[in-house]
Amino acid sequence: QVQLVESGGGLVQPGGSLRLSCAASGFTFSNYIMRWYRQAPGNERELVAHITPTGGSTYYTDSVKGRFTISRDNAKNTVYLQMNSLKPEDTAVYYCNVRKYTGDHWGQGTQVTVSS
């Protein structure tokens, strides 16, 4: 059974930083692209970043380029999202995702609120 558990969210002031973690189990983590999505109130869920199985290639949506960094530790079955220079518009619930032949699997999400 695929399980994804996010952590690390919270309340931070504009310009601050947070590091999100997603602990994965129930599948061979090192074989899969891992993704971070986010969903703000009233908005659709959007892809923030992804990382290939070995970590050799990454993708970022334009609004986070230069501020966010996705990484993974295949020995720990964990994917991370380092978020720097946070802005109020980064406020959202952040979700970890893996796409398998059985479909998309999601964690429960972690709330990130950027506010002074």
Protein backbone atom coordinates (compact mmCIF):
# COMPACT_ATOMS: atom_id res chain seq x y z
CA GLN A 1 0.00 0.00 0.00
CA VAL A 2 1.45 3.33 -1.11
CA GLN A 3 1.79 5.79 1.74
CA LEU A 4 3.06 9.37 1.52
CA VAL A 5 3.38 11.45 4.68
CA GLU A 6 4.22 15.15 4.40
CA SER A 7 5.61 17.27 7.21
CA GLY A 8 7.35 20.57 7.78
CA GLY A 9 4.63 23.08 7.00
CA GLY A 10 3.75 26.02 9.20
CA LEU A 11 3.39 29.76 9.51
CA VAL A 12 6.31 31.85 8.27
CA GLN A 13 6.85 35.53 7.57
CA PRO A 14 7.45 36.78 4.03
CA GLY A 15 11.07 36.23 3.09
CA GLY A 16 11.37 33.25 5.41
CA SER A 17 12.16 29.62 4.70
CA LEU A 18 10.63 26.21 5.28
CA ARG A 19 11.70 22.69 4.42
CA LEU A 20 9.00 20.19 3.59
CA SER A 21 9.57 16.45 3.81
CA CYS A 22 7.61 13.55 2.35
CA ALA A 23 8.27 10.07 3.69
CA ALA A 24 7.25 7.35 1.26
CA SER A 25 6.52 3.66 1.72
CA GLY A 26 4.77 0.80 -0.01
CA PHE A 27 6.62 1.05 -3.31
CA THR A 28 10.16 1.07 -4.70
CA PHE A 29 10.84 4.76 -4.11
CA SER A 30 14.07 4.92 -6.11
CA ASN A 31 12.25 3.88 -9.30
CA TYR A 32 9.82 6.79 -9.47
CA ILE A 33 9.62 10.47 -10.29
CA MET A 34 8.42 12.32 -7.20
CA ARG A 35 6.37 15.51 -7.35
CA TRP A 36 5.29 18.34 -5.09
CA TYR A 37 1.97 20.02 -5.80
CA ARG A 38 0.17 22.81 -4.01
CA GLN A 39 -3.40 24.01 -3.78
CA ALA A 40 -4.47 27.41 -2.55
CA PRO A 41 -8.08 28.14 -1.54
CA GLY A 42 -10.25 28.56 -4.63
CA ASN A 43 -7.48 27.41 -6.95
CA GLU A 44 -6.75 24.19 -8.78
CA ARG A 45 -3.94 21.98 -7.59
CA GLU A 46 -0.75 22.93 -9.42
CA LEU A 47 2.54 21.16 -9.98
CA VAL A 48 5.34 22.94 -8.11
CA ALA A 49 8.35 20.71 -8.79
CA HIS A 50 9.41 17.21 -9.69
CA ILE A 51 12.58 15.16 -9.46
CA THR A 52 13.63 12.12 -11.45
CA PRO A 53 14.45 8.79 -9.75
CA THR A 54 18.19 9.41 -9.41
CA GLY A 55 17.78 13.11 -8.72
CA GLY A 56 19.62 13.97 -11.90
CA SER A 57 16.88 16.12 -13.35
CA THR A 58 14.41 18.51 -11.79
CA TYR A 59 11.54 20.71 -12.92
CA TYR A 60 10.11 23.85 -11.32
CA THR A 61 7.09 25.92 -12.15
CA ASP A 62 8.11 29.44 -13.14
CA SER A 63 6.80 31.13 -10.02
CA VAL A 64 9.19 29.22 -7.72
CA LYS A 65 12.33 29.02 -9.86
CA GLY A 66 15.36 30.28 -7.97
CA ARG A 67 13.55 30.08 -4.62
CA PHE A 68 12.56 26.42 -4.18
CA THR A 69 14.76 23.33 -4.40
CA ILE A 70 13.51 19.77 -4.66
CA SER A 71 15.78 16.92 -3.56
CA ARG A 72 15.52 13.30 -2.54
CA ASP A 73 17.28 10.74 -0.38
CA ASN A 74 16.61 7.31 -1.84
CA ALA A 75 18.21 5.60 1.17
CA LYS A 76 15.58 7.25 3.39
CA ASN A 77 12.68 7.04 0.90
CA THR A 78 12.15 10.75 1.38
CA VAL A 79 11.69 13.72 -0.93
CA TYR A 80 12.21 17.29 0.22
CA LEU A 81 11.17 20.76 -0.85
CA GLN A 82 13.38 23.56 0.42
CA MET A 83 11.46 26.82 0.13
CA ASN A 84 13.32 30.12 0.49
CA SER A 85 12.27 33.74 0.04
CA LEU A 86 8.68 32.76 0.67
CA LYS A 87 5.91 35.05 -0.51
CA PRO A 88 2.28 35.37 0.59
CA GLU A 89 1.25 33.85 -2.74
CA ASP A 90 3.06 30.64 -1.77
CA THR A 91 0.38 30.07 0.86
CA ALA A 92 -1.26 26.71 0.09
CA VAL A 93 -1.56 23.11 1.13
CA TYR A 94 1.45 21.26 -0.26
CA TYR A 95 1.07 17.66 -1.41
CA CYS A 96 3.55 14.96 -2.26
CA ASN A 97 2.70 12.78 -5.27
CA VAL A 98 3.82 9.64 -7.01
CA ARG A 99 2.31 8.40 -10.25
CA LYS A 100 2.28 4.64 -10.65
CA TYR A 101 0.58 2.39 -13.17
CA THR A 102 -2.28 2.20 -10.68
CA GLY A 103 -2.73 5.97 -10.85
CA ASP A 104 -1.83 9.00 -8.77
CA HIS A 105 -1.12 8.64 -5.07
CA TRP A 106 -1.22 11.59 -2.67
CA GLY A 107 -0.26 12.41 0.86
CA GLN A 108 -2.57 14.21 3.29
CA GLY A 109 -0.88 17.54 2.63
CA THR A 110 0.87 20.05 4.84
CA GLN A 111 -0.28 23.65 5.25
CA VAL A 112 2.14 26.46 4.43
CA THR A 113 1.04 29.96 5.40
CA VAL A 114 3.18 32.98 4.54
CA SER A 115 1.99 36.04 6.41
CA SER A 116 3.27 38.87 8.54
